Amino acid sequence: MKLKASSLAANVPGEKYTHIRHYSLSEAPGKDYYRISVKREDAHDGASAGIVSNYLHKQVQTGDTLKLSAPAGDFVLDHSELPIVLISGGIAITPLLSMLNTIVGKQPTRKVTFLHASINGKTHAFKKHVAQLNRNNENVTFFICYSSPNEGDRLDTDFDKEGYIDLELLKSVVSSKEAVFYFCGSIEAILRLLHRWDIPNERIHYEVFSPVAILGEK
């Protein structure tokens, strides 16, 4: 299986130029539809609101036609029987969610450990969906890190760690380092952790969202 992304050409009313954005598919392949999941970027801390994300959320309606490229990419999910560890941060959950849905559907006996980091519960996408998969599948375990949990998060105690994903957490929740690791979001930090844990490069796979991400070598 290859997890893919599609490019969207948005002609936003009031904008002089066509805006191009790239979105990972967030559903397992083999369906009779493609799904992208877009976070609306509101203006904050002096940064402008996202032109395309707000257009998609506020102006595009069911039945409208959008210009999309055919999905393409090479973030490849292997089909071995090794345990798999999925690590995502923020909006980078989308390709990992597609992987999780695929494994649950096609390799239900494969052990999956899913770690997700977000600011807090309000910014945590697909939380209920992954939690439901966790409840319904004994081979799926789910761990949540919030860097700044809010009062509701603390009241419900529905997260596992305050702070960030670190090596101590990985060692405590991953039953064996003889696993395949896929991650997206905070690429440099997670790569360093896995190298410190002596995970070989052939069992490390990642998707880069940022075009300026620079990955150090081991």
N, C-alpha and C. Protein backbone atom coordinates (compact mmCIF):
# COMPACT_ATOMS: atom_id res chain seq x y z
N MET A 1 0.83 -1.19 0.00
CA MET A 1 0.00 0.00 0.00
C MET A 1 0.87 1.24 0.00
N LYS A 2 0.51 2.24 -0.79
CA LYS A 2 1.19 3.51 -0.77
C LYS A 2 0.22 4.59 -0.31
N LEU A 3 0.58 5.29 0.76
CA LEU A 3 -0.25 6.39 1.21
C LEU A 3 0.03 7.59 0.34
N LYS A 4 -1.02 8.26 -0.08
CA LYS A 4 -0.86 9.27 -1.10
C LYS A 4 -1.45 10.60 -0.67
N ALA A 5 -1.04 11.63 -1.41
CA ALA A 5 -1.57 12.97 -1.21
C ALA A 5 -2.08 13.49 -2.53
N SER A 6 -3.01 14.42 -2.44
CA SER A 6 -3.59 15.01 -3.64
C SER A 6 -3.37 16.52 -3.59
N SER A 7 -3.10 17.10 -4.75
CA SER A 7 -2.95 18.56 -4.84
C SER A 7 -4.28 19.19 -5.22
N LEU A 8 -4.62 20.26 -4.55
CA LEU A 8 -5.88 20.95 -4.79
C LEU A 8 -5.60 22.34 -5.33
N ALA A 9 -6.25 22.69 -6.43
CA ALA A 9 -6.14 24.04 -7.00
C ALA A 9 -7.40 24.81 -6.63
N ALA A 10 -7.24 25.83 -5.78
CA ALA A 10 -8.39 26.58 -5.27
C ALA A 10 -8.45 27.97 -5.89
N ASN A 11 -9.53 28.25 -6.57
CA ASN A 11 -9.78 29.60 -7.08
C ASN A 11 -10.71 30.30 -6.09
N VAL A 12 -10.10 30.97 -5.13
CA VAL A 12 -10.83 31.58 -4.02
C VAL A 12 -11.37 32.94 -4.45
N PRO A 13 -12.65 33.18 -4.27
CA PRO A 13 -13.22 34.49 -4.62
C PRO A 13 -12.45 35.63 -3.94
N GLY A 14 -12.09 36.64 -4.72
CA GLY A 14 -11.36 37.78 -4.19
C GLY A 14 -9.86 37.63 -4.26
N GLU A 15 -9.37 36.43 -4.58
CA GLU A 15 -7.94 36.19 -4.70
C GLU A 15 -7.51 36.26 -6.16
N LYS A 16 -6.43 36.95 -6.43
CA LYS A 16 -5.96 37.14 -7.81
C LYS A 16 -5.43 35.85 -8.41
N TYR A 17 -4.76 35.05 -7.59
CA TYR A 17 -4.08 33.87 -8.11
C TYR A 17 -4.74 32.58 -7.61
N THR A 18 -4.55 31.52 -8.37
CA THR A 18 -4.97 30.19 -7.93
C THR A 18 -4.02 29.72 -6.83
N HIS A 19 -4.59 29.17 -5.77
CA HIS A 19 -3.78 28.67 -4.66
C HIS A 19 -3.71 27.15 -4.72
N ILE A 20 -2.49 26.62 -4.61
CA ILE A 20 -2.28 25.18 -4.65
C ILE A 20 -1.95 24.68 -3.24
N ARG A 21 -2.63 23.65 -2.81
CA ARG A 21 -2.35 23.02 -1.51
C ARG A 21 -2.28 21.51 -1.71
N HIS A 22 -1.52 20.87 -0.83
CA HIS A 22 -1.35 19.42 -0.91
C HIS A 22 -1.91 18.79 0.37
N TYR A 23 -2.78 17.82 0.23
CA TYR A 23 -3.43 17.19 1.37
C TYR A 23 -3.27 15.67 1.32
N SER A 24 -2.84 15.10 2.44
CA SER A 24 -2.76 13.64 2.53
C SER A 24 -4.17 13.06 2.55
N LEU A 25 -4.31 11.90 1.97
CA LEU A 25 -5.57 11.17 2.10
C LEU A 25 -5.65 10.61 3.52
N SER A 26 -6.82 10.73 4.13
CA SER A 26 -6.95 10.33 5.54
C SER A 26 -7.82 9.10 5.73
N GLU A 27 -8.09 8.38 4.67
CA GLU A 27 -8.88 7.15 4.75
C GLU A 27 -8.11 6.03 4.08
N ALA A 28 -8.40 4.81 4.47
CA ALA A 28 -7.74 3.64 3.87
C ALA A 28 -8.04 3.59 2.38
N PRO A 29 -7.12 3.03 1.59
CA PRO A 29 -7.35 2.90 0.14
C PRO A 29 -8.39 1.83 -0.15
N GLY A 30 -8.79 1.77 -1.41
CA GLY A 30 -9.73 0.74 -1.83
C GLY A 30 -11.18 1.12 -1.68
N LYS A 31 -11.45 2.36 -1.24
CA LYS A 31 -12.83 2.82 -1.12
C LYS A 31 -13.30 3.36 -2.47
N ASP A 32 -14.60 3.65 -2.55
CA ASP A 32 -15.12 4.26 -3.78
C ASP A 32 -15.11 5.78 -3.68
N TYR A 33 -14.27 6.32 -2.79
CA TYR A 33 -14.12 7.76 -2.63
C TYR A 33 -12.73 8.05 -2.08
N TYR A 34 -12.29 9.28 -2.21
CA TYR A 34 -11.07 9.77 -1.57
C TYR A 34 -11.48 10.76 -0.49
N ARG A 35 -10.73 10.79 0.61
CA ARG A 35 -11.03 11.74 1.68
C ARG A 35 -9.78 12.52 2.06
N ILE A 36 -9.91 13.84 2.10
CA ILE A 36 -8.88 14.68 2.71
C ILE A 36 -9.50 15.32 3.94
N SER A 37 -8.67 15.68 4.89
CA SER A 37 -9.15 16.29 6.14
C SER A 37 -8.36 17.58 6.36
N VAL A 38 -9.06 18.69 6.41
CA VAL A 38 -8.41 20.00 6.40
C VAL A 38 -8.71 20.74 7.71
N LYS A 39 -7.66 21.14 8.39
CA LYS A 39 -7.80 21.97 9.58
C LYS A 39 -7.98 23.43 9.18
N ARG A 40 -9.01 24.07 9.72
CA ARG A 40 -9.22 25.49 9.44
C ARG A 40 -8.23 26.31 10.25
N GLU A 41 -7.44 27.11 9.55
CA GLU A 41 -6.44 27.95 10.21
C GLU A 41 -7.01 29.35 10.40
N ASP A 42 -7.39 29.68 11.63
CA ASP A 42 -7.88 31.01 11.94
C ASP A 42 -6.71 31.95 12.20
N ALA A 43 -6.97 33.25 12.08
CA ALA A 43 -5.93 34.23 12.39
C ALA A 43 -5.58 34.17 13.88
N HIS A 44 -4.28 34.22 14.20
CA HIS A 44 -3.88 34.19 15.60
C HIS A 44 -2.44 34.69 15.72
N ASP A 45 -2.16 35.34 16.82
CA ASP A 45 -0.80 35.80 17.15
C ASP A 45 -0.14 36.56 15.99
N GLY A 46 -0.92 37.37 15.31
CA GLY A 46 -0.38 38.16 14.21
C GLY A 46 -0.33 37.45 12.88
N ALA A 47 -0.61 36.15 12.86
CA ALA A 47 -0.62 35.39 11.61
C ALA A 47 -1.98 35.49 10.94
N SER A 48 -1.99 35.58 9.63
CA SER A 48 -3.24 35.69 8.89
C SER A 48 -3.98 34.36 8.86
N ALA A 49 -5.28 34.43 8.65
CA ALA A 49 -6.08 33.21 8.52
C ALA A 49 -5.69 32.47 7.26
N GLY A 50 -5.82 31.16 7.28
CA GLY A 50 -5.50 30.35 6.11
C GLY A 50 -6.50 30.60 4.99
N ILE A 51 -6.01 31.02 3.84
CA ILE A 51 -6.90 31.36 2.73
C ILE A 51 -7.66 30.14 2.24
N VAL A 52 -6.95 29.06 1.95
CA VAL A 52 -7.60 27.89 1.37
C VAL A 52 -8.40 27.12 2.42
N SER A 53 -7.86 26.95 3.62
CA SER A 53 -8.60 26.18 4.64
C SER A 53 -9.92 26.85 4.99
N ASN A 54 -9.92 28.18 5.09
CA ASN A 54 -11.18 28.88 5.38
C ASN A 54 -12.13 28.83 4.20
N TYR A 55 -11.59 28.87 3.00
CA TYR A 55 -12.43 28.73 1.81
C TYR A 55 -13.12 27.37 1.80
N LEU A 56 -12.37 26.32 2.09
CA LEU A 56 -12.95 24.98 2.09
C LEU A 56 -13.99 24.81 3.19
N HIS A 57 -13.71 25.38 4.35
CA HIS A 57 -14.63 25.22 5.48
C HIS A 57 -15.88 26.08 5.36
N LYS A 58 -15.72 27.29 4.84
CA LYS A 58 -16.82 28.26 4.91
C LYS A 58 -17.57 28.47 3.60
N GLN A 59 -16.95 28.16 2.47
CA GLN A 59 -17.59 28.49 1.20
C GLN A 59 -17.93 27.27 0.35
N VAL A 60 -17.13 26.25 0.38
CA VAL A 60 -17.40 25.07 -0.43
C VAL A 60 -18.54 24.26 0.17
N GLN A 61 -19.48 23.87 -0.66
CA GLN A 61 -20.65 23.13 -0.22
C GLN A 61 -20.72 21.76 -0.90
N THR A 62 -21.50 20.87 -0.32
CA THR A 62 -21.73 19.56 -0.93
C THR A 62 -22.27 19.75 -2.35
N GLY A 63 -21.66 19.06 -3.29
CA GLY A 63 -22.07 19.18 -4.68
C GLY A 63 -21.19 20.09 -5.50
N ASP A 64 -20.39 20.93 -4.84
CA ASP A 64 -19.45 21.79 -5.56
C ASP A 64 -18.34 20.94 -6.18
N THR A 65 -17.72 21.45 -7.23
CA THR A 65 -16.63 20.76 -7.90
C THR A 65 -15.31 21.46 -7.61
N LEU A 66 -14.31 20.67 -7.21
CA LEU A 66 -12.97 21.18 -6.94
C LEU A 66 -11.98 20.52 -7.88
N LYS A 67 -10.90 21.22 -8.18
CA LYS A 67 -9.85 20.68 -9.04
C LYS A 67 -8.80 19.99 -8.18
N LEU A 68 -8.67 18.68 -8.36
CA LEU A 68 -7.73 17.88 -7.58
C LEU A 68 -6.88 17.02 -8.51
N SER A 69 -5.63 16.86 -8.15
CA SER A 69 -4.78 15.94 -8.91
C SER A 69 -5.05 14.51 -8.47
N ALA A 70 -4.66 13.56 -9.30
CA ALA A 70 -4.72 12.16 -8.88
C ALA A 70 -3.78 11.96 -7.70
N PRO A 71 -4.19 11.20 -6.69
CA PRO A 71 -3.32 10.98 -5.53
C PRO A 71 -2.00 10.34 -5.93
N ALA A 72 -0.91 10.77 -5.30
CA ALA A 72 0.41 10.23 -5.59
C ALA A 72 1.27 10.31 -4.34
N GLY A 73 2.27 9.44 -4.26
CA GLY A 73 3.17 9.47 -3.11
C GLY A 73 3.79 8.11 -2.86
N ASP A 74 4.75 8.06 -1.94
CA ASP A 74 5.45 6.79 -1.70
C ASP A 74 5.73 6.56 -0.22
N PHE A 75 4.87 7.05 0.65
CA PHE A 75 4.96 6.75 2.08
C PHE A 75 4.35 5.36 2.25
N VAL A 76 5.16 4.32 2.23
CA VAL A 76 4.70 2.95 2.02
C VAL A 76 4.49 2.21 3.34
N LEU A 77 3.32 1.64 3.50
CA LEU A 77 3.02 0.77 4.64
C LEU A 77 3.39 -0.66 4.28
N ASP A 78 4.30 -1.25 5.05
CA ASP A 78 4.68 -2.63 4.78
C ASP A 78 3.60 -3.57 5.28
N HIS A 79 3.64 -4.80 4.82
CA HIS A 79 2.62 -5.77 5.24
C HIS A 79 3.27 -6.97 5.92
N SER A 80 4.34 -6.70 6.66
CA SER A 80 4.97 -7.75 7.45
C SER A 80 4.11 -8.01 8.68
N GLU A 81 4.54 -8.96 9.47
CA GLU A 81 3.83 -9.26 10.71
C GLU A 81 4.48 -8.58 11.91
N LEU A 82 5.54 -7.80 11.68
CA LEU A 82 6.17 -7.09 12.79
C LEU A 82 5.19 -6.11 13.43
N PRO A 83 5.28 -5.91 14.74
CA PRO A 83 4.48 -4.86 15.36
C PRO A 83 4.79 -3.52 14.70
N ILE A 84 3.81 -2.64 14.69
CA ILE A 84 4.00 -1.35 14.04
C ILE A 84 3.71 -0.23 15.03
N VAL A 85 4.53 0.79 15.00
CA VAL A 85 4.38 1.96 15.87
C VAL A 85 4.10 3.16 14.98
N LEU A 86 2.96 3.82 15.21
CA LEU A 86 2.57 5.00 14.47
C LEU A 86 2.69 6.21 15.39
N ILE A 87 3.39 7.24 14.95
CA ILE A 87 3.61 8.43 15.77
C ILE A 87 3.23 9.66 14.96
N SER A 88 2.31 10.46 15.49
CA SER A 88 1.88 11.65 14.76
C SER A 88 1.81 12.85 15.69
N GLY A 89 1.92 14.02 15.07
CA GLY A 89 1.82 15.27 15.82
C GLY A 89 0.87 16.22 15.12
N GLY A 90 -0.14 16.72 15.83
CA GLY A 90 -1.05 17.72 15.27
C GLY A 90 -1.76 17.24 14.03
N ILE A 91 -1.78 18.12 12.99
CA ILE A 91 -2.48 17.79 11.77
C ILE A 91 -1.80 16.68 10.97
N ALA A 92 -0.59 16.31 11.37
CA ALA A 92 0.13 15.24 10.67
C ALA A 92 -0.45 13.86 10.97
N ILE A 93 -1.57 13.82 11.68
CA ILE A 93 -2.21 12.54 11.97
C ILE A 93 -2.80 11.91 10.72
N THR A 94 -3.09 12.70 9.67
CA THR A 94 -3.89 12.17 8.56
C THR A 94 -3.29 10.95 7.86
N PRO A 95 -2.01 10.95 7.45
CA PRO A 95 -1.51 9.74 6.79
C PRO A 95 -1.41 8.55 7.74
N LEU A 96 -1.15 8.81 9.02
CA LEU A 96 -1.08 7.71 10.00
C LEU A 96 -2.46 7.12 10.24
N LEU A 97 -3.50 7.98 10.18
CA LEU A 97 -4.86 7.49 10.34
C LEU A 97 -5.23 6.55 9.20
N SER A 98 -4.82 6.90 7.99
CA SER A 98 -5.05 6.02 6.85
C SER A 98 -4.38 4.67 7.05
N MET A 99 -3.16 4.70 7.58
CA MET A 99 -2.44 3.45 7.87
C MET A 99 -3.18 2.63 8.92
N LEU A 100 -3.61 3.28 9.98
CA LEU A 100 -4.30 2.57 11.05
C LEU A 100 -5.58 1.91 10.54
N ASN A 101 -6.36 2.66 9.77
CA ASN A 101 -7.60 2.10 9.23
C ASN A 101 -7.30 0.90 8.33
N THR A 102 -6.21 0.99 7.57
CA THR A 102 -5.83 -0.12 6.68
C THR A 102 -5.45 -1.36 7.48
N ILE A 103 -4.64 -1.17 8.52
CA ILE A 103 -4.19 -2.32 9.32
C ILE A 103 -5.36 -2.99 10.01
N VAL A 104 -6.23 -2.19 10.60
CA VAL A 104 -7.40 -2.76 11.29
C VAL A 104 -8.27 -3.55 10.32
N GLY A 105 -8.38 -3.06 9.08
CA GLY A 105 -9.22 -3.74 8.10
C GLY A 105 -8.58 -4.96 7.47
N LYS A 106 -7.24 -4.91 7.24
CA LYS A 106 -6.58 -5.97 6.48
C LYS A 106 -5.63 -6.84 7.30
N GLN A 107 -5.14 -6.33 8.43
CA GLN A 107 -4.24 -7.11 9.28
C GLN A 107 -4.68 -6.98 10.74
N PRO A 108 -5.88 -7.42 11.06
CA PRO A 108 -6.42 -7.18 12.40
C PRO A 108 -5.63 -7.82 13.54
N THR A 109 -4.78 -8.81 13.22
CA THR A 109 -4.00 -9.45 14.29
C THR A 109 -2.65 -8.78 14.49
N ARG A 110 -2.32 -7.79 13.68
CA ARG A 110 -1.03 -7.12 13.81
C ARG A 110 -1.09 -6.13 14.97
N LYS A 111 -0.08 -6.12 15.81
CA LYS A 111 -0.06 -5.23 16.97
C LYS A 111 0.32 -3.82 16.53
N VAL A 112 -0.49 -2.85 16.95
CA VAL A 112 -0.29 -1.45 16.61
C VAL A 112 -0.22 -0.61 17.87
N THR A 113 0.81 0.20 17.97
CA THR A 113 0.89 1.20 19.04
C THR A 113 0.84 2.57 18.37
N PHE A 114 -0.18 3.35 18.73
CA PHE A 114 -0.39 4.66 18.11
C PHE A 114 -0.15 5.74 19.17
N LEU A 115 0.84 6.61 18.92
CA LEU A 115 1.11 7.73 19.81
C LEU A 115 0.80 9.02 19.06
N HIS A 116 0.00 9.88 19.70
CA HIS A 116 -0.34 11.15 19.07
C HIS A 116 -0.06 12.29 20.03
N ALA A 117 0.56 13.36 19.51
CA ALA A 117 0.85 14.55 20.30
C ALA A 117 0.05 15.73 19.75
N SER A 118 -0.54 16.49 20.65
CA SER A 118 -1.30 17.67 20.25
C SER A 118 -1.18 18.70 21.35
N ILE A 119 -1.66 19.91 21.09
CA ILE A 119 -1.61 20.96 22.11
C ILE A 119 -2.54 20.60 23.25
N ASN A 120 -3.78 20.27 22.92
CA ASN A 120 -4.77 19.87 23.92
C ASN A 120 -5.94 19.19 23.21
N GLY A 121 -6.99 18.90 23.97
CA GLY A 121 -8.13 18.19 23.41
C GLY A 121 -8.84 18.95 22.31
N LYS A 122 -8.82 20.27 22.36
CA LYS A 122 -9.52 21.07 21.35
C LYS A 122 -8.83 20.99 19.99
N THR A 123 -7.55 20.72 19.97
CA THR A 123 -6.81 20.66 18.71
C THR A 123 -6.55 19.21 18.26
N HIS A 124 -7.09 18.26 18.99
CA HIS A 124 -6.83 16.85 18.73
C HIS A 124 -7.85 16.31 17.72
N ALA A 125 -7.41 16.13 16.48
CA ALA A 125 -8.29 15.63 15.43
C ALA A 125 -8.43 14.11 15.50
N PHE A 126 -9.61 13.61 15.19
CA PHE A 126 -9.90 12.18 15.09
C PHE A 126 -9.71 11.42 16.40
N LYS A 127 -9.78 12.11 17.49
CA LYS A 127 -9.56 11.45 18.78
C LYS A 127 -10.59 10.36 19.04
N LYS A 128 -11.87 10.66 18.80
CA LYS A 128 -12.93 9.68 19.07
C LYS A 128 -12.80 8.47 18.15
N HIS A 129 -12.42 8.71 16.91
CA HIS A 129 -12.30 7.60 15.96
C HIS A 129 -11.20 6.63 16.39
N VAL A 130 -10.02 7.17 16.71
CA VAL A 130 -8.91 6.30 17.11
C VAL A 130 -9.21 5.61 18.43
N ALA A 131 -9.85 6.33 19.36
CA ALA A 131 -10.22 5.72 20.64
C ALA A 131 -11.19 4.57 20.44
N GLN A 132 -12.11 4.72 19.48
CA GLN A 132 -13.06 3.65 19.19
C GLN A 132 -12.35 2.43 18.62
N LEU A 133 -11.41 2.66 17.72
CA LEU A 133 -10.62 1.53 17.19
C LEU A 133 -9.84 0.84 18.30
N ASN A 134 -9.35 1.63 19.24
CA ASN A 134 -8.62 1.08 20.38
C ASN A 134 -9.54 0.18 21.21
N ARG A 135 -10.76 0.65 21.45
CA ARG A 135 -11.70 -0.13 22.25
C ARG A 135 -12.14 -1.41 21.54
N ASN A 136 -12.27 -1.34 20.23
CA ASN A 136 -12.82 -2.46 19.47
C ASN A 136 -11.78 -3.47 19.00
N ASN A 137 -10.50 -3.14 19.14
CA ASN A 137 -9.45 -4.02 18.63
C ASN A 137 -8.39 -4.23 19.71
N GLU A 138 -8.27 -5.44 20.19
CA GLU A 138 -7.36 -5.72 21.28
C GLU A 138 -5.90 -5.55 20.88
N ASN A 139 -5.61 -5.53 19.60
CA ASN A 139 -4.23 -5.37 19.15
C ASN A 139 -3.84 -3.92 18.89
N VAL A 140 -4.75 -2.99 19.15
CA VAL A 140 -4.46 -1.56 18.97
C VAL A 140 -4.38 -0.89 20.33
N THR A 141 -3.27 -0.20 20.60
CA THR A 141 -3.15 0.61 21.81
C THR A 141 -2.90 2.06 21.41
N PHE A 142 -3.41 2.97 22.21
CA PHE A 142 -3.46 4.38 21.84
C PHE A 142 -2.97 5.21 23.02
N PHE A 143 -1.99 6.11 22.76
CA PHE A 143 -1.45 6.97 23.81
C PHE A 143 -1.46 8.42 23.33
N ILE A 144 -1.79 9.32 24.25
CA ILE A 144 -1.98 10.73 23.91
C ILE A 144 -1.07 11.60 24.76
N CYS A 145 -0.36 12.53 24.10
CA CYS A 145 0.44 13.54 24.79
C CYS A 145 -0.14 14.92 24.47
N TYR A 146 -0.38 15.74 25.50
CA TYR A 146 -0.80 17.12 25.30
C TYR A 146 0.27 18.04 25.88
N SER A 147 0.75 18.97 25.06
CA SER A 147 1.77 19.89 25.55
C SER A 147 1.19 20.95 26.49
N SER A 148 -0.08 21.33 26.27
CA SER A 148 -0.74 22.33 27.12
C SER A 148 -2.18 21.92 27.37
N PRO A 149 -2.41 20.87 28.15
CA PRO A 149 -3.79 20.42 28.38
C PRO A 149 -4.62 21.50 29.04
N ASN A 150 -5.89 21.59 28.62
CA ASN A 150 -6.78 22.59 29.21
C ASN A 150 -7.51 22.00 30.42
N GLU A 151 -8.35 22.82 31.02
CA GLU A 151 -9.04 22.39 32.24
C GLU A 151 -9.92 21.17 31.99
N GLY A 152 -10.59 21.14 30.84
CA GLY A 152 -11.43 20.00 30.51
C GLY A 152 -10.63 18.72 30.36
N ASP A 153 -9.45 18.82 29.74
CA ASP A 153 -8.59 17.65 29.59
C ASP A 153 -8.20 17.09 30.95
N ARG A 154 -7.83 17.99 31.85
CA ARG A 154 -7.40 17.55 33.18
C ARG A 154 -8.58 16.96 33.96
N LEU A 155 -9.76 17.54 33.76
CA LEU A 155 -10.93 17.05 34.48
C LEU A 155 -11.30 15.64 34.00
N ASP A 156 -11.24 15.43 32.70
CA ASP A 156 -11.61 14.13 32.14
C ASP A 156 -10.48 13.11 32.20
N THR A 157 -9.26 13.59 32.43
CA THR A 157 -8.06 12.74 32.44
C THR A 157 -8.04 11.80 31.23
N ASP A 158 -8.34 12.37 30.06
CA ASP A 158 -8.40 11.53 28.87
C ASP A 158 -7.15 11.71 28.00
N PHE A 159 -6.02 11.98 28.64
CA PHE A 159 -4.74 11.97 27.96
C PHE A 159 -3.74 11.26 28.86
N ASP A 160 -2.63 10.82 28.30
CA ASP A 160 -1.71 9.97 29.05
C ASP A 160 -0.49 10.68 29.59
N LYS A 161 -0.09 11.77 28.91
CA LYS A 161 1.11 12.47 29.36
C LYS A 161 1.01 13.94 29.03
N GLU A 162 1.43 14.79 29.97
CA GLU A 162 1.57 16.21 29.69
C GLU A 162 3.00 16.46 29.24
N GLY A 163 3.14 17.10 28.10
CA GLY A 163 4.47 17.35 27.56
C GLY A 163 4.58 16.81 26.16
N TYR A 164 5.72 16.19 25.88
CA TYR A 164 6.00 15.75 24.52
C TYR A 164 6.39 14.27 24.50
N ILE A 165 6.33 13.69 23.33
CA ILE A 165 6.78 12.31 23.18
C ILE A 165 8.30 12.27 23.34
N ASP A 166 8.77 11.45 24.25
CA ASP A 166 10.21 11.32 24.48
C ASP A 166 10.59 9.86 24.51
N LEU A 167 11.87 9.60 24.67
CA LEU A 167 12.36 8.23 24.62
C LEU A 167 11.84 7.41 25.80
N GLU A 168 11.72 8.03 26.95
CA GLU A 168 11.19 7.32 28.11
C GLU A 168 9.78 6.82 27.84
N LEU A 169 8.95 7.68 27.23
CA LEU A 169 7.58 7.26 26.91
C LEU A 169 7.60 6.13 25.89
N LEU A 170 8.40 6.27 24.84
CA LEU A 170 8.47 5.22 23.83
C LEU A 170 8.82 3.88 24.44
N LYS A 171 9.84 3.87 25.28
CA LYS A 171 10.27 2.61 25.88
C LYS A 171 9.21 2.02 26.81
N SER A 172 8.39 2.89 27.40
CA SER A 172 7.38 2.41 28.35
C SER A 172 6.13 1.86 27.66
N VAL A 173 5.84 2.30 26.45
CA VAL A 173 4.59 1.89 25.80
C VAL A 173 4.81 0.93 24.62
N VAL A 174 6.01 0.94 24.05
CA VAL A 174 6.30 0.02 22.94
C VAL A 174 6.88 -1.25 23.52
N SER A 175 6.18 -2.36 23.37
CA SER A 175 6.55 -3.60 24.06
C SER A 175 7.88 -4.16 23.57
N SER A 176 8.23 -3.90 22.32
CA SER A 176 9.49 -4.40 21.78
C SER A 176 10.00 -3.43 20.73
N LYS A 177 11.31 -3.16 20.75
CA LYS A 177 11.89 -2.29 19.74
C LYS A 177 12.01 -2.99 18.40
N GLU A 178 11.71 -4.29 18.38
CA GLU A 178 11.67 -5.04 17.11
C GLU A 178 10.34 -4.76 16.43
N ALA A 179 10.18 -3.53 16.02
CA ALA A 179 8.94 -3.07 15.40
C ALA A 179 9.30 -2.17 14.23
N VAL A 180 8.29 -1.85 13.42
CA VAL A 180 8.44 -0.90 12.33
C VAL A 180 7.83 0.42 12.79
N PHE A 181 8.54 1.52 12.55
CA PHE A 181 8.12 2.83 13.05
C PHE A 181 7.77 3.75 11.88
N TYR A 182 6.57 4.31 11.93
CA TYR A 182 6.11 5.29 10.95
C TYR A 182 5.74 6.56 11.70
N PHE A 183 6.18 7.71 11.19
CA PHE A 183 5.84 8.94 11.89
C PHE A 183 5.71 10.12 10.95
N CYS A 184 4.98 11.11 11.43
CA CYS A 184 4.75 12.34 10.66
C CYS A 184 4.48 13.46 11.66
N GLY A 185 5.21 14.56 11.51
CA GLY A 185 5.12 15.65 12.47
C GLY A 185 6.30 15.59 13.43
N SER A 186 6.92 16.73 13.72
CA SER A 186 8.12 16.78 14.58
C SER A 186 9.16 15.78 14.10
N ILE A 187 9.40 15.78 12.80
CA ILE A 187 10.24 14.76 12.17
C ILE A 187 11.62 14.66 12.81
N GLU A 188 12.30 15.81 12.94
CA GLU A 188 13.67 15.78 13.44
C GLU A 188 13.74 15.21 14.85
N ALA A 189 12.79 15.62 15.71
CA ALA A 189 12.81 15.17 17.11
C ALA A 189 12.58 13.66 17.21
N ILE A 190 11.59 13.16 16.50
CA ILE A 190 11.29 11.73 16.57
C ILE A 190 12.42 10.91 15.95
N LEU A 191 12.99 11.39 14.88
CA LEU A 191 14.10 10.67 14.26
C LEU A 191 15.28 10.54 15.22
N ARG A 192 15.56 11.61 15.94
CA ARG A 192 16.65 11.56 16.94
C ARG A 192 16.35 10.54 18.02
N LEU A 193 15.10 10.50 18.48
CA LEU A 193 14.73 9.54 19.52
C LEU A 193 14.94 8.11 19.05
N LEU A 194 14.51 7.82 17.84
CA LEU A 194 14.62 6.46 17.33
C LEU A 194 16.08 6.07 17.12
N HIS A 195 16.88 7.01 16.69
CA HIS A 195 18.31 6.72 16.52
C HIS A 195 18.98 6.50 17.88
N ARG A 196 18.58 7.27 18.88
CA ARG A 196 19.12 7.05 20.24
C ARG A 196 18.75 5.67 20.75
N TRP A 197 17.62 5.17 20.31
CA TRP A 197 17.15 3.85 20.74
C TRP A 197 17.72 2.74 19.85
N ASP A 198 18.56 3.13 18.91
CA ASP A 198 19.23 2.19 18.01
C ASP A 198 18.25 1.43 17.12
N ILE A 199 17.19 2.11 16.68
CA ILE A 199 16.29 1.52 15.70
C ILE A 199 16.95 1.66 14.32
N PRO A 200 17.12 0.57 13.58
CA PRO A 200 17.80 0.66 12.28
C PRO A 200 16.97 1.45 11.26
N ASN A 201 17.66 2.11 10.36
CA ASN A 201 16.99 2.97 9.38
C ASN A 201 15.99 2.21 8.51
N GLU A 202 16.23 0.93 8.27
CA GLU A 202 15.31 0.19 7.41
C GLU A 202 13.95 -0.04 8.06
N ARG A 203 13.85 0.19 9.37
CA ARG A 203 12.56 0.07 10.05
C ARG A 203 12.02 1.44 10.48
N ILE A 204 12.52 2.49 9.88
CA ILE A 204 12.06 3.85 10.15
C ILE A 204 11.52 4.46 8.86
N HIS A 205 10.29 4.95 8.92
CA HIS A 205 9.65 5.55 7.75
C HIS A 205 8.95 6.83 8.19
N TYR A 206 9.02 7.86 7.37
CA TYR A 206 8.40 9.12 7.76
C TYR A 206 7.89 9.88 6.55
N GLU A 207 6.98 10.78 6.80
CA GLU A 207 6.43 11.68 5.78
C GLU A 207 6.74 13.10 6.22
N VAL A 208 7.31 13.89 5.33
CA VAL A 208 7.66 15.27 5.64
C VAL A 208 6.55 16.19 5.16
N PHE A 209 5.94 16.95 6.08
CA PHE A 209 4.92 17.92 5.70
C PHE A 209 5.57 19.24 5.29
N SER A 210 6.63 19.62 5.98
CA SER A 210 7.24 20.92 5.71
C SER A 210 8.31 20.79 4.64
N PRO A 211 8.31 21.66 3.62
CA PRO A 211 9.33 21.57 2.57
C PRO A 211 10.71 21.98 3.04
N VAL A 212 10.81 22.58 4.23
CA VAL A 212 12.11 23.03 4.73
C VAL A 212 12.65 22.09 5.81
N ALA A 213 11.96 20.99 6.04
CA ALA A 213 12.44 20.06 7.07
C ALA A 213 13.78 19.48 6.66
N ILE A 214 14.75 19.56 7.55
CA ILE A 214 16.08 19.03 7.29
C ILE A 214 16.34 17.89 8.27
N LEU A 215 16.56 16.72 7.75
CA LEU A 215 16.72 15.54 8.59
C LEU A 215 18.20 15.24 8.76
N GLY A 216 18.61 15.14 10.02
CA GLY A 216 20.00 14.81 10.28
C GLY A 216 20.25 13.35 10.13
N GLU A 217 21.46 13.00 9.83
CA GLU A 217 21.82 11.58 9.73
C GLU A 217 22.20 11.06 11.11
N LYS A 218 22.13 9.77 11.26
CA LYS A 218 22.47 9.15 12.53
C LYS A 218 23.95 9.35 12.83
